[in-house]
Amino acid sequence: MEQNQNTALFEEIPIPRAVAKLAIPTILSSLVMVIYNMADTYFVGMVNDPVQNAAVALAGPVLLAFNAVNNLFGVGSSSMMSRALGSKDYETVRRSSAFGFYCSLLSGGVFSLLCFLFRGPLLALLGADASTVAATSEYLKWTVICGAAPAILNVVMAYMVRSEGASFHASVGTMSGCMLNIILDPIFILPWGFNMGAAGAGLATFLSNCVACLYFFVLLYVRRKTTFVCVQPKKFSLQRGIILGICGVGIPASIQNLLNVTGMTILNNFTSSYGADAVAAMGITQKINMVPMQVALGFSQGIMPLISYNYASGNIKRMKESLVFVAKITLPFIALVSLGYYLGAGSLIGAFMNNENIIAYGSSFLRGFCLGLPFLCMDFLAVGVFQAIGLGKAALLFAILRKVALEIPSLYVLNYLFPLYGLAYAQFTSEFVLAIAAVMMLVWIFGKLQKGERI
């Protein structure tokens, strides 16, 4: 039991194969998650009611806020677990996973309660007006008030399963819920089904997340003798080393997502002043833009266990070669996708909603967003390395630079100079600067590690 079967994956298997085994399932699950998020927008769009589409878009920041908890206990726990595996400290692996699981469960319950108690102020903060407040409230009822705990738990458990190299199982769990969501969406949303509109999309999401959680519980029970992932209450503890190890990486990652929520909320509030068509177009654009973003994020998250393990075990050469290999694959691919988005923006928006105003708005938005994708990819890889080796402060610094120092001010300035349409270029502005900083930071990190110095 103490010699986990995935050790060879981290230490011996050639890097292209190791990266493929870790990253491809992660990317596929990320893409399926994007597809199921897009399915909400697509099937709600088939109702041909901009108000329903706007409701899904306006609720986006709250769902994005789940990632703050996911990153706190998912990224934090998985980084701690992989580093402990590299150091052969298996008891820490078990206790870290138990800590992450029970804290996630508690956080989901608190999230639901707060959103229920403060639903009115929350809807106002999101930018919902008289025409969109009812639909947005119904969507939030299922996805957040009822569904926060299963939505958070299934992502955190996927992180923990992936931390010991079982990316395939982590991805199957995530994808099982996503596929069910895609199947249920038209049944609950469209007139020939239950005709629930945005509320139906929320109900489908809630049920699919429950199924994904069930998969992980069954998986951990079946593999209880061969996995280090542990959710037994007796393994939960408040040991100082475990809390600091998890929170040192998880809190900066969580703050990063909270800043993303802040940026998205500001963006939606600016957009909402131009009407439901503009909000719906921005929501569709963001969903389309998420596809290449999730590919880049999937590579970054997929290789984190490989980076963490080899950093902890002192194999800096394998650690660096893994990162360089991934960068050579992802950057040209994302650049090519960005070009395709720029040239085919109108057709992509039109595939979601056949409305001339929305297509016009969305085409302009997508052309602005896609310019930042290659630079965002580089930033994801750098932050993934920071998180993998426990440099939570560096990840937090990048998050603050991205949102507070660059993107949010850019939203105000660009919207003032180029009303509405300038909003789409704020991401490009911030990611271009951060990509330069990311390369410089990675060169510094590997320079110190190759000299035998610890970070």
Foldseek 3Di string as FASTA:
>chain_A
DLDAPCPCLLPPPPLVVSLCLQQVLLLVLLLLVLVLLVLLLQLLQVVVDLLLLLLSLLCVLLLLLLVLLLLLLQLLLLLQLLLCVLVSNLLLNALSLQQSQVVLQVVLQVQLVVCVVPVPVSLVLSQDDPSNSVSNSLLCVQCRNVASSLSNNLSSLLSSCSSSPPSNLSSVLSNQLSVQLSVQQNQQPPPVHVNSRSNSSSNSNRVSSVSSNVSSVVVCVVCVPNDSNYNDPVSHDPDPVSSCSSNLQSNLSSVLSNLVSVLSSVLLNLQPVVDSLSSSLVSLLVSVLSSLVSSLLSSLSSCLSSLLSCVSNLVLVSNVVSLVVSLVPSLVVLVVVLVVCLVCVLVSQCSRHVDVSSSVSNNLLNNQQSLQRSLSSLLSNLLSNCSNNSVNVVSNVLSCQQRVVAQVVQCVVQCVVPNSSRNSNSNNGSSVVVSVVSVVVVVVQSVCSVVVHDD
